[in-house]
N, C-alpha and C. Protein backbone atom coordinates (compact mmCIF):
# COMPACT_ATOMS: atom_id res chain seq x y z
N MET A 1 87.68 102.61 88.25
CA MET A 1 88.87 101.49 88.13
C MET A 1 88.08 100.32 88.31
N SER A 2 88.45 99.23 87.44
CA SER A 2 87.78 97.81 87.64
C SER A 2 88.33 97.07 88.68
N SER A 3 87.80 96.00 89.19
CA SER A 3 88.23 95.13 90.11
C SER A 3 89.72 94.60 90.00
N LYS A 4 89.79 94.44 88.51
CA LYS A 4 90.96 93.87 88.02
C LYS A 4 92.08 94.75 88.21
N ASP A 5 91.82 96.06 87.76
CA ASP A 5 92.92 97.15 88.25
C ASP A 5 93.22 97.21 89.59
N ARG A 6 92.30 97.24 90.40
CA ARG A 6 92.47 97.12 91.88
C ARG A 6 93.52 96.07 92.34
N TYR A 7 93.22 94.98 91.86
CA TYR A 7 93.97 93.75 92.35
C TYR A 7 95.41 93.86 91.86
N HIS A 8 95.30 94.37 90.45
CA HIS A 8 96.84 94.51 90.04
C HIS A 8 97.55 95.64 90.61
N HIS A 9 96.88 96.59 91.09
CA HIS A 9 97.61 97.72 91.93
C HIS A 9 97.76 97.27 93.40
N GLY A 10 97.42 96.09 93.90
CA GLY A 10 97.83 95.84 95.35
C GLY A 10 96.74 96.42 96.14
N ASP A 11 95.63 96.79 95.92
CA ASP A 11 94.73 97.24 96.78
C ASP A 11 93.62 95.84 97.36
N LEU A 12 93.70 94.94 96.65
CA LEU A 12 92.98 93.77 97.03
C LEU A 12 92.86 93.48 98.48
N LYS A 13 94.22 93.17 98.91
CA LYS A 13 94.49 92.88 100.50
C LYS A 13 93.72 93.85 101.25
N ALA A 14 93.96 95.07 100.98
CA ALA A 14 93.30 95.95 102.07
C ALA A 14 91.80 96.07 101.83
N VAL A 15 91.31 95.95 100.68
CA VAL A 15 89.90 95.90 100.50
C VAL A 15 89.28 94.69 101.18
N ILE A 16 90.06 93.43 101.02
CA ILE A 16 89.28 92.47 101.51
C ILE A 16 89.43 92.43 103.11
N LEU A 17 90.54 93.13 103.59
CA LEU A 17 90.50 93.34 105.10
C LEU A 17 89.59 94.15 105.89
N ALA A 18 89.29 95.15 104.88
CA ALA A 18 88.30 96.12 105.37
C ALA A 18 86.93 95.45 105.57
N GLU A 19 86.63 94.89 104.45
CA GLU A 19 85.28 94.13 104.39
C GLU A 19 85.21 93.11 105.25
N ALA A 20 86.35 92.28 105.74
CA ALA A 20 86.15 91.32 106.61
C ALA A 20 85.98 91.88 108.21
N ALA A 21 86.70 92.95 108.41
CA ALA A 21 86.69 93.66 109.71
C ALA A 21 85.06 93.99 109.91
N ALA A 22 84.60 94.75 108.63
CA ALA A 22 83.23 95.08 108.70
C ALA A 22 82.30 94.02 109.08
N LEU A 23 82.48 92.81 108.41
CA LEU A 23 81.55 91.67 108.55
C LEU A 23 81.79 91.18 109.89
N VAL A 24 82.91 90.84 110.15
CA VAL A 24 82.89 90.60 111.62
C VAL A 24 82.38 91.37 112.76
N ALA A 25 82.42 92.59 112.62
CA ALA A 25 81.94 93.47 113.54
C ALA A 25 80.33 93.26 113.42
N GLU A 26 79.85 93.23 112.24
CA GLU A 26 78.43 92.99 112.02
C GLU A 26 77.83 91.86 112.67
N ARG A 27 78.47 90.69 112.07
CA ARG A 27 77.79 89.40 112.42
C ARG A 27 78.83 88.21 112.99
N GLY A 28 80.00 88.59 113.40
CA GLY A 28 80.73 87.61 113.76
C GLY A 28 81.66 86.94 112.93
N ALA A 29 82.78 86.56 113.28
CA ALA A 29 83.89 85.83 112.46
C ALA A 29 83.16 84.37 111.92
N ASP A 30 82.50 83.59 112.47
CA ASP A 30 81.83 82.66 111.75
C ASP A 30 80.91 82.99 110.48
N GLY A 31 80.46 84.20 110.59
CA GLY A 31 79.71 84.69 109.34
C GLY A 31 80.60 85.14 108.26
N VAL A 32 81.57 85.05 108.18
CA VAL A 32 82.79 85.66 107.02
C VAL A 32 83.36 84.45 106.20
N SER A 33 83.09 84.59 104.74
CA SER A 33 83.84 83.74 103.92
C SER A 33 84.62 84.38 102.80
N LEU A 34 85.73 83.66 102.63
CA LEU A 34 86.53 84.18 101.46
C LEU A 34 85.69 84.34 100.03
N ARG A 35 84.92 83.36 99.80
CA ARG A 35 84.03 83.62 98.72
C ARG A 35 83.01 84.98 98.69
N GLU A 36 82.52 85.09 99.82
CA GLU A 36 81.93 86.45 100.09
C GLU A 36 82.50 87.58 99.86
N LEU A 37 83.85 87.42 100.62
CA LEU A 37 84.54 88.80 100.54
C LEU A 37 85.02 89.14 99.17
N ALA A 38 85.19 87.88 98.38
CA ALA A 38 85.68 88.21 96.89
C ALA A 38 84.46 88.82 96.02
N ARG A 39 83.40 88.25 96.35
CA ARG A 39 82.14 88.69 95.79
C ARG A 39 81.94 90.32 96.04
N ALA A 40 82.29 90.64 97.42
CA ALA A 40 82.09 92.05 97.80
C ALA A 40 83.27 93.08 96.99
N ALA A 41 84.46 92.48 96.88
CA ALA A 41 85.50 93.09 96.32
C ALA A 41 85.40 93.12 94.82
N GLY A 42 84.49 92.35 94.30
CA GLY A 42 84.14 92.49 92.66
C GLY A 42 85.27 91.53 92.06
N VAL A 43 85.87 90.48 92.64
CA VAL A 43 86.93 89.63 92.07
C VAL A 43 86.49 88.32 91.99
N SER A 44 87.27 87.53 91.31
CA SER A 44 87.07 85.99 91.42
C SER A 44 87.04 85.35 92.61
N HIS A 45 86.36 84.28 92.91
CA HIS A 45 86.34 83.70 94.36
C HIS A 45 87.77 83.16 94.70
N ALA A 46 88.51 82.71 93.78
CA ALA A 46 89.92 82.49 94.06
C ALA A 46 91.22 83.52 94.22
N ALA A 47 90.68 84.88 93.86
CA ALA A 47 91.40 85.87 94.12
C ALA A 47 91.86 86.16 95.71
N PRO A 48 91.22 86.13 96.57
CA PRO A 48 91.68 86.53 97.89
C PRO A 48 92.68 85.24 98.34
N ALA A 49 92.44 84.14 97.97
CA ALA A 49 93.53 82.98 98.35
C ALA A 49 95.02 83.57 97.86
N HIS A 50 95.12 84.29 96.95
CA HIS A 50 96.41 84.81 96.66
C HIS A 50 97.27 85.52 97.82
N HIS A 51 96.37 86.25 98.42
CA HIS A 51 96.78 86.91 99.60
C HIS A 51 96.68 86.20 101.18
N PHE A 52 95.79 85.39 101.05
CA PHE A 52 95.55 84.73 102.37
C PHE A 52 95.27 83.06 102.63
N THR A 53 95.38 82.69 101.48
CA THR A 53 95.22 81.13 101.57
C THR A 53 93.98 80.61 101.82
N ASP A 54 93.56 80.95 103.08
CA ASP A 54 92.48 80.36 103.55
C ASP A 54 91.66 81.37 104.66
N ARG A 55 90.58 81.06 105.46
CA ARG A 55 90.08 81.75 106.61
C ARG A 55 91.01 82.04 107.61
N ARG A 56 91.90 80.99 107.87
CA ARG A 56 92.89 81.23 108.89
C ARG A 56 93.82 82.23 108.56
N GLY A 57 94.35 82.23 107.21
CA GLY A 57 95.19 83.21 106.83
C GLY A 57 94.65 84.70 106.74
N LEU A 58 93.56 84.60 106.33
CA LEU A 58 92.62 85.92 106.48
C LEU A 58 92.69 86.35 107.87
N PHE A 59 92.23 85.76 108.80
CA PHE A 59 92.21 86.18 110.15
C PHE A 59 93.58 86.56 110.87
N THR A 60 94.62 85.76 110.35
CA THR A 60 95.75 85.97 110.86
C THR A 60 96.13 87.56 110.36
N ALA A 61 96.10 87.64 109.12
CA ALA A 61 96.32 88.96 108.49
C ALA A 61 95.32 90.29 109.29
N LEU A 62 94.15 89.77 109.63
CA LEU A 62 93.24 90.83 110.18
C LEU A 62 93.82 91.25 111.58
N ALA A 63 94.21 90.17 112.29
CA ALA A 63 94.60 90.46 113.72
C ALA A 63 96.06 91.19 113.78
N ALA A 64 96.71 90.63 112.90
CA ALA A 64 98.16 91.59 112.67
C ALA A 64 97.78 93.19 112.33
N GLU A 65 97.08 92.99 111.29
CA GLU A 65 96.84 94.66 111.06
C GLU A 65 96.15 95.40 112.29
N GLY A 66 95.07 94.59 113.24
CA GLY A 66 94.46 95.14 114.31
C GLY A 66 95.66 95.58 115.41
N PHE A 67 96.46 94.46 115.50
CA PHE A 67 97.74 94.84 116.52
C PHE A 67 98.61 96.00 116.23
N ARG A 68 98.89 96.20 114.72
CA ARG A 68 99.57 97.27 114.17
C ARG A 68 98.72 98.62 114.52
N LEU A 69 97.67 98.54 114.09
CA LEU A 69 96.73 99.85 114.44
C LEU A 69 96.48 100.27 115.87
N LEU A 70 96.67 99.09 116.89
CA LEU A 70 96.52 99.39 118.14
C LEU A 70 97.77 99.92 118.83
N ALA A 71 98.97 99.39 118.32
CA ALA A 71 100.18 99.78 118.63
C ALA A 71 100.50 101.40 118.19
N ASP A 72 100.08 101.69 117.06
CA ASP A 72 99.94 103.15 116.31
C ASP A 72 98.96 104.05 117.33
N ALA A 73 98.14 103.51 117.42
CA ALA A 73 96.98 104.24 118.61
C ALA A 73 97.63 104.51 120.03
N LEU A 74 98.33 103.46 120.59
CA LEU A 74 98.87 103.78 121.96
C LEU A 74 100.01 104.64 121.74
N ALA A 75 100.83 104.56 120.69
CA ALA A 75 102.13 105.38 120.65
C ALA A 75 101.67 106.86 120.21
N GLY A 76 100.72 107.05 119.59
CA GLY A 76 100.01 108.48 119.67
C GLY A 76 99.58 108.80 120.84
N ALA A 77 99.35 108.16 121.97
CA ALA A 77 98.84 108.66 123.21
C ALA A 77 99.82 108.85 124.23
N ARG A 78 101.23 108.68 123.86
CA ARG A 78 102.27 108.71 124.73
C ARG A 78 102.47 110.01 125.49
N PRO A 79 102.89 110.33 126.59
CA PRO A 79 103.53 109.34 127.41
C PRO A 79 102.66 108.96 128.64
N ASP A 80 101.28 109.41 128.53
CA ASP A 80 100.54 109.50 129.81
C ASP A 80 99.54 108.09 129.75
N PHE A 81 99.42 107.48 131.10
CA PHE A 81 98.77 106.28 131.15
C PHE A 81 97.31 106.59 130.71
N LEU A 82 96.86 107.48 131.43
CA LEU A 82 95.27 107.98 130.97
C LEU A 82 95.03 107.95 129.58
N ASP A 83 95.91 108.67 128.90
CA ASP A 83 95.65 108.70 127.21
C ASP A 83 95.77 107.54 126.64
N ALA A 84 96.79 106.67 127.29
CA ALA A 84 96.76 105.22 126.62
C ALA A 84 95.75 104.45 126.82
N ALA A 85 95.13 104.66 127.90
CA ALA A 85 93.97 103.65 128.38
C ALA A 85 92.81 104.26 127.44
N LEU A 86 92.74 105.31 127.26
CA LEU A 86 91.38 105.99 126.48
C LEU A 86 91.84 105.65 124.80
N ALA A 87 92.88 105.69 124.25
CA ALA A 87 93.18 105.36 123.02
C ALA A 87 92.79 103.87 122.86
N TYR A 88 93.41 102.98 124.01
CA TYR A 88 92.94 101.47 123.78
C TYR A 88 91.50 101.33 123.63
N VAL A 89 90.61 101.84 124.51
CA VAL A 89 89.11 101.83 124.35
C VAL A 89 88.62 102.29 122.91
N ARG A 90 89.01 103.50 122.63
CA ARG A 90 88.77 104.21 121.39
C ARG A 90 88.89 103.33 120.33
N PHE A 91 90.27 102.57 120.30
CA PHE A 91 90.60 101.48 119.22
C PHE A 91 89.57 100.59 119.07
N ALA A 92 89.34 100.15 120.49
CA ALA A 92 88.24 98.88 120.38
C ALA A 92 86.98 99.28 119.90
N VAL A 93 86.40 100.51 120.09
CA VAL A 93 85.09 100.78 119.94
C VAL A 93 85.13 101.32 118.29
N ASN A 94 86.01 101.75 117.87
CA ASN A 94 86.37 102.05 116.58
C ASN A 94 86.77 100.77 115.77
N HIS A 95 87.30 99.87 115.97
CA HIS A 95 87.70 98.64 115.13
C HIS A 95 87.04 97.55 115.80
N PRO A 96 85.79 97.29 116.02
CA PRO A 96 85.15 96.22 116.65
C PRO A 96 85.68 94.61 115.75
N GLY A 97 85.51 94.82 114.68
CA GLY A 97 85.95 93.59 113.83
C GLY A 97 87.41 93.19 113.99
N HIS A 98 88.38 94.04 114.16
CA HIS A 98 89.55 93.74 114.36
C HIS A 98 89.73 93.19 115.69
N TYR A 99 89.15 93.87 116.65
CA TYR A 99 89.11 93.55 118.17
C TYR A 99 88.89 92.17 118.52
N ALA A 100 87.63 91.84 117.80
CA ALA A 100 87.19 90.55 118.14
C ALA A 100 88.13 89.66 117.54
N VAL A 101 88.82 89.65 116.49
CA VAL A 101 89.43 88.72 116.01
C VAL A 101 90.97 88.53 116.60
N MET A 102 91.43 89.75 117.28
CA MET A 102 92.64 89.90 117.77
C MET A 102 92.55 89.14 118.89
N PHE A 103 91.64 88.88 119.76
CA PHE A 103 91.67 88.25 120.96
C PHE A 103 90.87 86.95 121.05
N ASP A 104 90.72 86.42 119.75
CA ASP A 104 90.25 84.98 119.41
C ASP A 104 91.23 84.06 118.98
N LYS A 105 92.39 83.70 119.63
CA LYS A 105 93.47 82.78 119.13
C LYS A 105 92.82 81.72 118.31
N SER A 106 91.69 81.22 118.43
CA SER A 106 91.26 80.05 117.76
C SER A 106 91.20 80.40 116.16
N LEU A 107 91.33 81.70 115.93
CA LEU A 107 90.89 81.94 114.44
C LEU A 107 92.12 82.28 113.71
N TYR A 108 93.21 82.34 114.29
CA TYR A 108 94.50 82.62 113.49
C TYR A 108 95.79 81.76 113.87
N ASP A 109 96.69 82.21 113.26
CA ASP A 109 98.04 81.39 113.43
C ASP A 109 98.92 82.30 114.15
N SER A 110 98.86 81.99 115.66
CA SER A 110 99.59 82.99 116.58
C SER A 110 100.95 82.98 116.55
N ALA A 111 101.59 81.83 115.76
CA ALA A 111 103.05 81.92 115.32
C ALA A 111 103.37 82.88 114.03
N ASP A 112 102.64 83.23 113.45
CA ASP A 112 102.96 84.08 112.32
C ASP A 112 103.84 85.20 112.64
N PRO A 113 104.91 85.38 111.95
CA PRO A 113 105.91 86.23 112.43
C PRO A 113 105.31 87.93 112.43
N GLU A 114 104.61 88.19 111.41
CA GLU A 114 104.13 89.48 111.30
C GLU A 114 103.07 89.93 112.46
N LEU A 115 102.23 88.78 112.85
CA LEU A 115 101.49 88.86 113.93
C LEU A 115 102.16 88.98 115.28
N VAL A 116 103.16 88.06 115.37
CA VAL A 116 103.92 88.13 116.71
C VAL A 116 104.54 89.52 116.77
N ALA A 117 105.17 90.14 115.72
CA ALA A 117 105.69 91.48 115.88
C ALA A 117 104.76 92.55 116.09
N ALA A 118 103.77 92.38 115.75
CA ALA A 118 102.62 93.35 115.83
C ALA A 118 101.94 93.22 117.33
N GLU A 119 101.70 92.35 117.66
CA GLU A 119 101.21 91.92 119.04
C GLU A 119 102.21 92.39 120.10
N ALA A 120 103.56 92.27 119.87
CA ALA A 120 104.80 92.62 120.60
C ALA A 120 104.68 94.06 120.83
N ALA A 121 104.65 94.78 119.76
CA ALA A 121 104.50 96.25 119.60
C ALA A 121 103.45 97.28 120.34
N ALA A 122 102.21 96.21 120.18
CA ALA A 122 101.29 96.68 120.93
C ALA A 122 101.33 96.49 122.55
N GLY A 123 101.85 95.41 122.94
CA GLY A 123 102.18 95.11 124.30
C GLY A 123 103.23 96.10 124.74
N ALA A 124 104.17 96.53 124.02
CA ALA A 124 105.29 97.39 124.28
C ALA A 124 104.71 98.76 124.59
N GLU A 125 103.63 99.19 123.80
CA GLU A 125 103.17 100.45 123.83
C GLU A 125 102.25 100.57 125.19
N LEU A 126 101.33 99.53 125.42
CA LEU A 126 100.68 99.38 126.56
C LEU A 126 101.35 99.54 127.95
N ARG A 127 102.64 98.82 127.87
CA ARG A 127 103.50 98.81 128.94
C ARG A 127 104.15 100.17 129.13
N ALA A 128 104.43 100.95 128.13
CA ALA A 128 104.93 102.13 128.25
C ALA A 128 103.99 103.20 128.79
N GLY A 129 102.67 102.87 128.56
CA GLY A 129 101.75 103.70 129.10
C GLY A 129 101.73 103.59 130.52
N VAL A 130 101.71 102.40 131.02
CA VAL A 130 101.67 101.93 132.38
C VAL A 130 102.94 102.31 133.20
N GLY A 131 104.06 102.37 132.53
CA GLY A 131 105.48 102.95 133.06
C GLY A 131 105.37 104.15 133.46
N THR A 132 104.22 105.03 133.10
CA THR A 132 104.18 106.38 133.47
C THR A 132 103.48 106.58 135.03
N LEU A 133 102.80 105.46 135.40
CA LEU A 133 101.88 105.73 136.56
C LEU A 133 102.98 106.16 137.78
N ASP A 134 102.44 106.96 138.72
CA ASP A 134 103.19 107.29 139.82
C ASP A 134 102.90 106.41 141.03
N ASP A 135 102.06 105.60 140.95
CA ASP A 135 101.77 104.62 142.22
C ASP A 135 103.09 103.82 142.47
N PRO A 136 103.61 103.95 143.61
CA PRO A 136 104.68 102.92 144.10
C PRO A 136 104.62 101.78 143.93
N ARG A 137 103.29 101.01 143.95
CA ARG A 137 102.98 99.65 143.69
C ARG A 137 103.23 99.19 142.14
N ALA A 138 102.83 100.31 141.38
CA ALA A 138 103.02 99.98 139.87
C ALA A 138 104.62 99.93 139.54
N LYS A 139 105.16 100.89 140.28
CA LYS A 139 106.72 100.94 140.02
C LYS A 139 107.24 99.44 140.57
N ALA A 140 106.97 98.85 141.86
CA ALA A 140 107.69 98.18 142.30
C ALA A 140 107.26 96.56 141.54
N ASP A 141 106.13 96.57 141.03
CA ASP A 141 105.64 95.49 140.16
C ASP A 141 105.06 95.77 138.84
N PRO A 142 105.92 96.25 137.96
CA PRO A 142 105.50 96.62 136.54
C PRO A 142 104.65 95.70 135.73
N GLN A 143 104.99 94.50 135.85
CA GLN A 143 104.35 93.32 135.12
C GLN A 143 102.74 93.26 135.68
N ALA A 144 102.79 93.38 137.03
CA ALA A 144 101.17 93.19 137.60
C ALA A 144 100.66 94.49 137.14
N ALA A 145 101.10 95.62 137.23
CA ALA A 145 100.51 96.93 137.01
C ALA A 145 100.08 96.82 135.26
N ALA A 146 101.13 96.30 134.66
CA ALA A 146 100.69 96.28 133.27
C ALA A 146 99.49 95.13 132.96
N LEU A 147 99.39 94.26 133.70
CA LEU A 147 98.16 93.29 133.71
C LEU A 147 96.94 93.81 134.02
N ALA A 148 97.13 94.58 135.16
CA ALA A 148 96.10 95.05 135.71
C ALA A 148 95.41 96.27 134.77
N ALA A 149 96.23 97.07 134.33
CA ALA A 149 95.66 98.05 133.40
C ALA A 149 95.24 97.46 132.15
N TRP A 150 95.87 96.27 131.60
CA TRP A 150 95.30 95.68 130.43
C TRP A 150 93.87 95.32 130.78
N SER A 151 93.81 94.58 132.09
CA SER A 151 92.65 93.97 132.45
C SER A 151 91.46 95.23 132.36
N LEU A 152 91.85 96.08 132.80
CA LEU A 152 90.78 97.42 132.90
C LEU A 152 90.38 97.70 131.49
N VAL A 153 91.31 98.09 130.80
CA VAL A 153 90.75 98.54 129.17
C VAL A 153 90.44 97.54 128.39
N HIS A 154 90.83 96.20 128.72
CA HIS A 154 90.41 95.05 127.55
C HIS A 154 88.90 94.68 128.22
N GLY A 155 88.90 94.67 129.53
CA GLY A 155 87.36 94.18 130.26
C GLY A 155 86.37 95.12 129.88
N PHE A 156 86.80 96.55 130.01
CA PHE A 156 85.91 97.65 129.85
C PHE A 156 85.42 97.48 128.20
N SER A 157 86.53 97.08 127.43
CA SER A 157 86.21 97.29 125.93
C SER A 157 85.07 96.22 125.49
N LEU A 158 85.51 94.80 126.02
CA LEU A 158 84.61 93.70 125.70
C LEU A 158 83.29 93.75 126.36
N LEU A 159 83.16 94.48 127.57
CA LEU A 159 81.94 94.65 128.11
C LEU A 159 80.96 95.59 127.24
N TRP A 160 81.66 96.77 126.93
CA TRP A 160 81.10 97.67 125.87
C TRP A 160 80.57 97.17 124.44
N LEU A 161 81.43 96.38 123.99
CA LEU A 161 81.14 95.88 122.57
C LEU A 161 80.29 94.95 122.66
N ASN A 162 80.09 93.99 123.93
CA ASN A 162 78.96 93.20 123.84
C ASN A 162 77.71 93.55 124.64
N ASN A 163 77.56 95.00 124.94
CA ASN A 163 76.26 95.78 125.38
C ASN A 163 75.98 94.97 126.73
N ALA A 164 77.11 94.83 127.63
CA ALA A 164 77.02 94.29 128.76
C ALA A 164 76.76 95.54 129.89
N ILE A 165 77.12 96.49 129.33
CA ILE A 165 77.00 97.55 130.20
C ILE A 165 76.09 98.76 129.52
N ASP A 166 75.84 99.71 130.25
CA ASP A 166 75.16 101.03 129.68
C ASP A 166 75.66 101.52 128.34
N THR A 167 75.35 101.29 127.09
CA THR A 167 75.95 101.61 126.06
C THR A 167 75.46 103.07 125.72
N ASP A 168 74.63 103.55 126.49
CA ASP A 168 74.12 104.94 126.12
C ASP A 168 74.87 106.17 126.37
N ALA A 169 75.85 105.61 127.41
CA ALA A 169 76.94 106.63 128.02
C ALA A 169 78.00 106.64 126.85
N ASP A 170 78.89 107.75 127.04
CA ASP A 170 80.05 107.88 126.23
C ASP A 170 81.11 106.85 126.78
N PRO A 171 81.48 106.01 125.94
CA PRO A 171 82.51 104.95 126.37
C PRO A 171 83.92 105.48 126.71
N ILE A 172 84.50 106.65 126.11
CA ILE A 172 85.63 107.26 126.40
C ILE A 172 85.56 108.11 127.88
N ALA A 173 84.39 108.65 128.02
CA ALA A 173 84.16 109.54 129.31
C ALA A 173 84.09 108.34 130.36
N THR A 174 83.43 107.21 130.22
CA THR A 174 83.12 106.37 131.17
C THR A 174 84.43 105.58 131.61
N VAL A 175 85.22 105.21 130.50
CA VAL A 175 86.63 104.53 130.96
C VAL A 175 87.31 105.58 131.60
N GLU A 176 87.54 106.87 131.12
CA GLU A 176 88.19 107.82 131.76
C GLU A 176 87.86 108.02 133.25
N ARG A 177 86.62 108.05 133.49
CA ARG A 177 86.22 108.25 134.92
C ARG A 177 86.84 107.05 135.77
N VAL A 178 86.71 105.64 135.21
CA VAL A 178 87.08 104.58 135.96
C VAL A 178 88.51 104.52 136.24
N ALA A 179 89.35 104.82 135.01
CA ALA A 179 90.76 104.82 135.31
C ALA A 179 91.38 105.80 136.03
N ARG A 180 90.66 107.03 136.22
CA ARG A 180 91.06 108.12 137.07
C ARG A 180 90.92 107.55 138.51
N MET A 181 89.83 106.91 138.65
CA MET A 181 89.67 106.35 140.13
C MET A 181 90.57 105.71 140.48
N LEU A 182 90.93 104.68 139.62
CA LEU A 182 91.66 103.53 139.80
C LEU A 182 93.43 103.65 139.96
N TYR A 183 93.69 104.57 139.09
CA TYR A 183 95.18 104.70 138.49
C TYR A 183 95.76 106.19 138.70
N THR A 184 94.98 107.19 138.80
CA THR A 184 95.54 108.64 138.70
C THR A 184 95.26 109.18 140.08
N LYS A 185 96.13 110.43 140.16
CA LYS A 185 96.02 111.35 141.54
C LYS A 185 95.08 112.48 140.92
N ARG A 186 94.79 112.49 139.81
CA ARG A 186 94.24 113.80 139.11
C ARG A 186 92.89 114.03 139.73
C-alpha cells in the first residue's frame, strides 16, 4: 500500500503518532518535527498538518492518546490497588514517548476537549484503584490517598525512565515490592 493509500484510508494520524512516540522516547520532544514525521511516513511535508496543524497539535493528540491508553490499562487492572499500580508503571515503561509528553504541559494544549476527557478518565481509573485500599486513613481522606498513590507510581516511573535508579532490576517487581510495603497488608 502506498503512502497516499494509507493517508486516504485514515492511517496517517496513527502512523504519525506512533512515530512521534518512538522519537520522543528515543531523543525527547525537542528532537521531533512534523517534517521529519512526514518523511518517515512517506507523505508530503504538509500532510501531517491536516491532522495536527502544528507541533503543539501533534503533542496534544499524543498526550490524549497516552491518557486513553493509560485509562484502558488501569481499567484492565480493576479492582485491586496493587494491580492498578503495576499497570501504571507497566504503561510508563512500555510507552515512554507518550508518558514524557503526557506530563509536560508546556508541549500541548491542556484545554483540548479530547485531552481533558482522556486525562479525566485516567484519573478516575487511578482513583478507583486507590478506592480499594483497606487502610482507614485512605478511606478517611481519599483525595490524599489518591495523591499519595499517584506520587508513588508516577515518581517511580520517572525515576525508572530517567535511569535514576537501578534499571537492571525488573521495574514491575520493584514497584510491587514498594507498593506492598506502603499500601497493602498482603
